[in-house]
C-alpha atoms as a PDB file:
ATOM      1  CA  MET A   1     -29.662   4.814 -65.380  1.00  0.00           C
ATOM      2  CA  VAL A   2     -31.560   3.915 -68.554  1.00  0.00           C
ATOM      3  CA  ALA A   3     -29.520   2.915 -71.320  1.00  0.00           C
ATOM      4  CA  THR A   4     -30.681   5.799 -73.440  1.00  0.00           C
ATOM      5  CA  ASP A   5     -29.749   8.204 -71.008  1.00  0.00           C
ATOM      6  CA  PRO A   6     -26.406   9.785 -71.930  1.00  0.00           C
ATOM      7  CA  ILE A   7     -23.525   9.270 -69.466  1.00  0.00           C
ATOM      8  CA  THR A   8     -22.691  12.618 -67.693  1.00  0.00           C
ATOM      9  CA  VAL A   9     -19.151  13.439 -67.588  1.00  0.00           C
ATOM     10  CA  VAL A  10     -17.170  16.229 -65.699  1.00  0.00           C
ATOM     11  CA  LEU A  11     -13.594  16.855 -67.031  1.00  0.00           C
ATOM     12  CA  VAL A  12     -10.892  17.841 -64.728  1.00  0.00           C
ATOM     13  CA  GLU A  13      -7.920  18.963 -66.679  1.00  0.00           C
ATOM     14  CA  ASP A  14      -5.513  22.126 -66.160  1.00  0.00           C
ATOM     15  CA  ASN A  15      -4.331  22.375 -69.299  1.00  0.00           C
ATOM     16  CA  ASP A  16      -6.971  24.501 -71.046  1.00  0.00           C
ATOM     17  CA  ILE A  17      -6.320  23.401 -74.716  1.00  0.00           C
ATOM     18  CA  PHE A  18      -6.369  19.704 -73.612  1.00  0.00           C
ATOM     19  CA  ARG A  19      -9.434  20.099 -71.706  1.00  0.00           C
ATOM     20  CA  GLU A  20     -11.250  22.044 -74.538  1.00  0.00           C
ATOM     21  CA  SER A  21     -10.127  19.545 -77.262  1.00  0.00           C
ATOM     22  CA  LEU A  22     -11.197  16.713 -75.043  1.00  0.00           C
ATOM     23  CA  GLU A  23     -14.587  18.382 -74.365  1.00  0.00           C
ATOM     24  CA  LEU A  24     -15.053  19.021 -78.129  1.00  0.00           C
ATOM     25  CA  LEU A  25     -14.032  15.209 -79.223  1.00  0.00           C
ATOM     26  CA  LEU A  26     -16.452  13.811 -76.355  1.00  0.00           C
ATOM     27  CA  GLY A  27     -19.194  16.241 -77.662  1.00  0.00           C
ATOM     28  CA  THR A  28     -19.051  14.140 -80.790  1.00  0.00           C
ATOM     29  CA  VAL A  29     -19.990  10.892 -78.832  1.00  0.00           C
ATOM     30  CA  PRO A  30     -23.725  10.603 -78.818  1.00  0.00           C
ATOM     31  CA  ASP A  31     -24.078   8.531 -75.480  1.00  0.00           C
ATOM     32  CA  ILE A  32     -21.647  11.051 -73.542  1.00  0.00           C
ATOM     33  CA  GLU A  33     -22.765  14.581 -72.401  1.00  0.00           C
ATOM     34  CA  VAL A  34     -19.932  16.776 -70.858  1.00  0.00           C
ATOM     35  CA  VAL A  35     -21.789  18.515 -68.081  1.00  0.00           C
ATOM     36  CA  ALA A  36     -18.905  20.580 -66.841  1.00  0.00           C
ATOM     37  CA  ALA A  37     -15.130  21.135 -67.637  1.00  0.00           C
ATOM     38  CA  VAL A  38     -12.987  22.511 -64.718  1.00  0.00           C
ATOM     39  CA  PRO A  39      -9.264  23.155 -64.359  1.00  0.00           C
ATOM     40  CA  ASP A  40      -8.508  22.017 -60.753  1.00  0.00           C
ATOM     41  CA  GLY A  41      -9.715  19.533 -57.969  1.00  0.00           C
ATOM     42  CA  ARG A  42     -11.333  21.879 -55.717  1.00  0.00           C
ATOM     43  CA  ARG A  43     -13.647  23.049 -58.490  1.00  0.00           C
ATOM     44  CA  ALA A  44     -14.191  19.435 -59.508  1.00  0.00           C
ATOM     45  CA  LEU A  45     -15.562  18.529 -55.965  1.00  0.00           C
ATOM     46  CA  ASP A  46     -17.699  21.479 -55.924  1.00  0.00           C
ATOM     47  CA  VAL A  47     -19.150  20.571 -59.593  1.00  0.00           C
ATOM     48  CA  CYS A  48     -19.471  16.845 -58.739  1.00  0.00           C
ATOM     49  CA  THR A  49     -21.277  17.574 -55.525  1.00  0.00           C
ATOM     50  CA  ARG A  50     -23.894  19.951 -57.191  1.00  0.00           C
ATOM     51  CA  LEU A  51     -24.085  17.740 -60.388  1.00  0.00           C
ATOM     52  CA  ARG A  52     -23.850  14.245 -59.335  1.00  0.00           C
ATOM     53  CA  PRO A  53     -22.205  12.978 -62.804  1.00  0.00           C
ATOM     54  CA  GLY A  54     -21.774   9.414 -63.841  1.00  0.00           C
ATOM     55  CA  VAL A  55     -18.146   9.713 -64.411  1.00  0.00           C
ATOM     56  CA  VAL A  56     -15.351  12.176 -63.940  1.00  0.00           C
ATOM     57  CA  LEU A  57     -12.478  12.009 -66.316  1.00  0.00           C
ATOM     58  CA  MET A  58      -9.643  13.708 -64.519  1.00  0.00           C
ATOM     59  CA  ASP A  59      -6.194  14.584 -65.072  1.00  0.00           C
ATOM     60  CA  TYR A  60      -3.600  13.271 -62.344  1.00  0.00           C
ATOM     61  CA  ARG A  61      -1.458  16.335 -61.817  1.00  0.00           C
ATOM     62  CA  LEU A  62      -3.668  19.081 -60.699  1.00  0.00           C
ATOM     63  CA  PRO A  63      -3.267  22.378 -58.969  1.00  0.00           C
ATOM     64  CA  GLU A  64      -4.921  22.726 -55.620  1.00  0.00           C
ATOM     65  CA  LEU A  65      -5.886  18.983 -54.881  1.00  0.00           C
ATOM     66  CA  ASP A  66      -3.967  16.391 -56.873  1.00  0.00           C
ATOM     67  CA  GLY A  67      -5.652  13.355 -58.593  1.00  0.00           C
ATOM     68  CA  VAL A  68      -5.402  11.205 -55.615  1.00  0.00           C
ATOM     69  CA  GLU A  69      -6.910  13.855 -53.282  1.00  0.00           C
ATOM     70  CA  THR A  70      -9.517  14.638 -55.601  1.00  0.00           C
ATOM     71  CA  THR A  71     -10.526  11.145 -56.417  1.00  0.00           C
ATOM     72  CA  ALA A  72     -10.812  10.176 -52.604  1.00  0.00           C
ATOM     73  CA  ALA A  73     -12.774  13.463 -52.064  1.00  0.00           C
ATOM     74  CA  ILE A  74     -15.183  12.629 -55.009  1.00  0.00           C
ATOM     75  CA  GLY A  75     -15.634   9.176 -53.706  1.00  0.00           C
ATOM     76  CA  ALA A  76     -16.480  10.369 -50.203  1.00  0.00           C
ATOM     77  CA  ALA A  77     -18.973  12.956 -51.483  1.00  0.00           C
ATOM     78  CA  CYS A  78     -20.408  11.105 -54.557  1.00  0.00           C
ATOM     79  CA  PRO A  79     -20.096   7.515 -54.024  1.00  0.00           C
ATOM     80  CA  THR A  80     -22.083   6.679 -57.342  1.00  0.00           C
ATOM     81  CA  THR A  81     -19.633   8.772 -59.395  1.00  0.00           C
ATOM     82  CA  ALA A  82     -16.828   6.803 -60.922  1.00  0.00           C
ATOM     83  CA  VAL A  83     -13.498   8.316 -61.635  1.00  0.00           C
ATOM     84  CA  VAL A  84     -11.345   7.700 -64.501  1.00  0.00           C
ATOM     85  CA  VAL A  85      -7.609   9.314 -64.481  1.00  0.00           C
ATOM     86  CA  LEU A  86      -5.769  10.496 -67.319  1.00  0.00           C
ATOM     87  CA  THR A  87      -2.295  11.126 -67.038  1.00  0.00           C
ATOM     88  CA  ALA A  88       0.673  11.999 -69.162  1.00  0.00           C
ATOM     89  CA  THR A  89       3.090  10.011 -67.008  1.00  0.00           C
ATOM     90  CA  ALA A  90       2.623   8.472 -63.543  1.00  0.00           C
ATOM     91  CA  GLU A  91       4.909   6.079 -61.402  1.00  0.00           C
ATOM     92  CA  SER A  92       3.451   2.810 -60.287  1.00  0.00           C
ATOM     93  CA  GLU A  93       3.138   4.065 -56.899  1.00  0.00           C
ATOM     94  CA  GLU A  94       1.214   6.896 -57.999  1.00  0.00           C
ATOM     95  CA  ILE A  95      -1.226   4.533 -59.995  1.00  0.00           C
ATOM     96  CA  ASP A  96      -1.626   2.338 -57.181  1.00  0.00           C
ATOM     97  CA  ALA A  97      -2.443   5.346 -55.075  1.00  0.00           C
ATOM     98  CA  LEU A  98      -5.084   6.406 -57.568  1.00  0.00           C
ATOM     99  CA  TYR A  99      -6.756   3.024 -57.460  1.00  0.00           C
ATOM    100  CA  GLU A 100      -6.598   2.842 -53.563  1.00  0.00           C
ATOM    101  CA  ALA A 101      -8.319   6.258 -53.589  1.00  0.00           C
ATOM    102  CA  GLY A 102     -11.135   4.781 -55.638  1.00  0.00           C
ATOM    103  CA  ALA A 103     -10.188   5.227 -59.237  1.00  0.00           C
ATOM    104  CA  VAL A 104     -11.883   2.554 -61.782  1.00  0.00           C
ATOM    105  CA  ALA A 105      -9.187   3.199 -64.509  1.00  0.00           C
ATOM    106  CA  CYS A 106      -5.934   5.064 -65.281  1.00  0.00           C
ATOM    107  CA  LEU A 107      -5.186   5.754 -68.848  1.00  0.00           C
ATOM    108  CA  THR A 108      -2.405   7.697 -70.211  1.00  0.00           C
ATOM    109  CA  LYS A 109      -3.278  10.883 -72.438  1.00  0.00           C
ATOM    110  CA  ASP A 110      -1.953   9.508 -75.562  1.00  0.00           C
ATOM    111  CA  ARG A 111      -4.636   6.811 -75.964  1.00  0.00           C
ATOM    112  CA  GLU A 112      -6.994   6.919 -78.894  1.00  0.00           C
ATOM    113  CA  LEU A 113     -10.518   8.405 -78.189  1.00  0.00           C
ATOM    114  CA  ASP A 114     -12.273   5.133 -78.565  1.00  0.00           C
ATOM    115  CA  GLU A 115     -10.102   3.644 -75.661  1.00  0.00           C
ATOM    116  CA  ILE A 116     -10.910   6.798 -73.432  1.00  0.00           C
ATOM    117  CA  VAL A 117     -14.589   6.486 -74.538  1.00  0.00           C
ATOM    118  CA  GLY A 118     -14.373   2.725 -73.619  1.00  0.00           C
ATOM    119  CA  ALA A 119     -12.991   3.661 -70.160  1.00  0.00           C
ATOM    120  CA  VAL A 120     -15.884   6.072 -69.587  1.00  0.00           C
ATOM    121  CA  ARG A 121     -18.531   3.541 -70.678  1.00  0.00           C
ATOM    122  CA  ASP A 122     -16.988   0.823 -68.541  1.00  0.00           C
ATOM    123  CA  ALA A 123     -16.780   3.213 -65.557  1.00  0.00           C
ATOM    124  CA  ALA A 124     -20.341   4.357 -66.059  1.00  0.00           C
ATOM    125  CA  GLY A 125     -21.492   0.786 -65.791  1.00  0.00           C
ATOM    126  CA  ARG A 126     -19.673   0.312 -62.594  1.00  0.00           C
ATOM    127  CA  GLY A 127     -20.953   3.436 -61.311  1.00  0.00           C
ATOM    128  CA  ALA A 128     -24.585   2.494 -62.070  1.00  0.00           C
ATOM    129  CA  ALA A 129     -24.089  -0.913 -60.297  1.00  0.00           C
ATOM    130  CA  LEU A 130     -23.273   1.024 -57.080  1.00  0.00           C
ATOM    131  CA  ARG A 131     -26.912   2.542 -57.113  1.00  0.00           C
END
């Protein structure tokens, strides 16, 4: 990835308002391009397989496939895509399972936009290192 290329991001969030708000906020960040926003894990896997984003920014609790299942499936299908998980709450066992499935970061949804953007940028650097 050339440094001037935007970081391509897929948002996976079942709460429409949070997903749309996050998409709008990330749209103000010049080096991030949201290429898709979907409400569940199955659609996330389909979109990631087609678009090969640099980063998936994903909720933990999702319909269809949960965050752990989706993270593992994306890792298997798109090994250069990094997964950053956003969650309202998660137990330590759930967070451990997310990391074991391949997530590179887990953040709570109440973080400031700068922290979320930092995690996306960090994840994109890790994803690029895998290529």
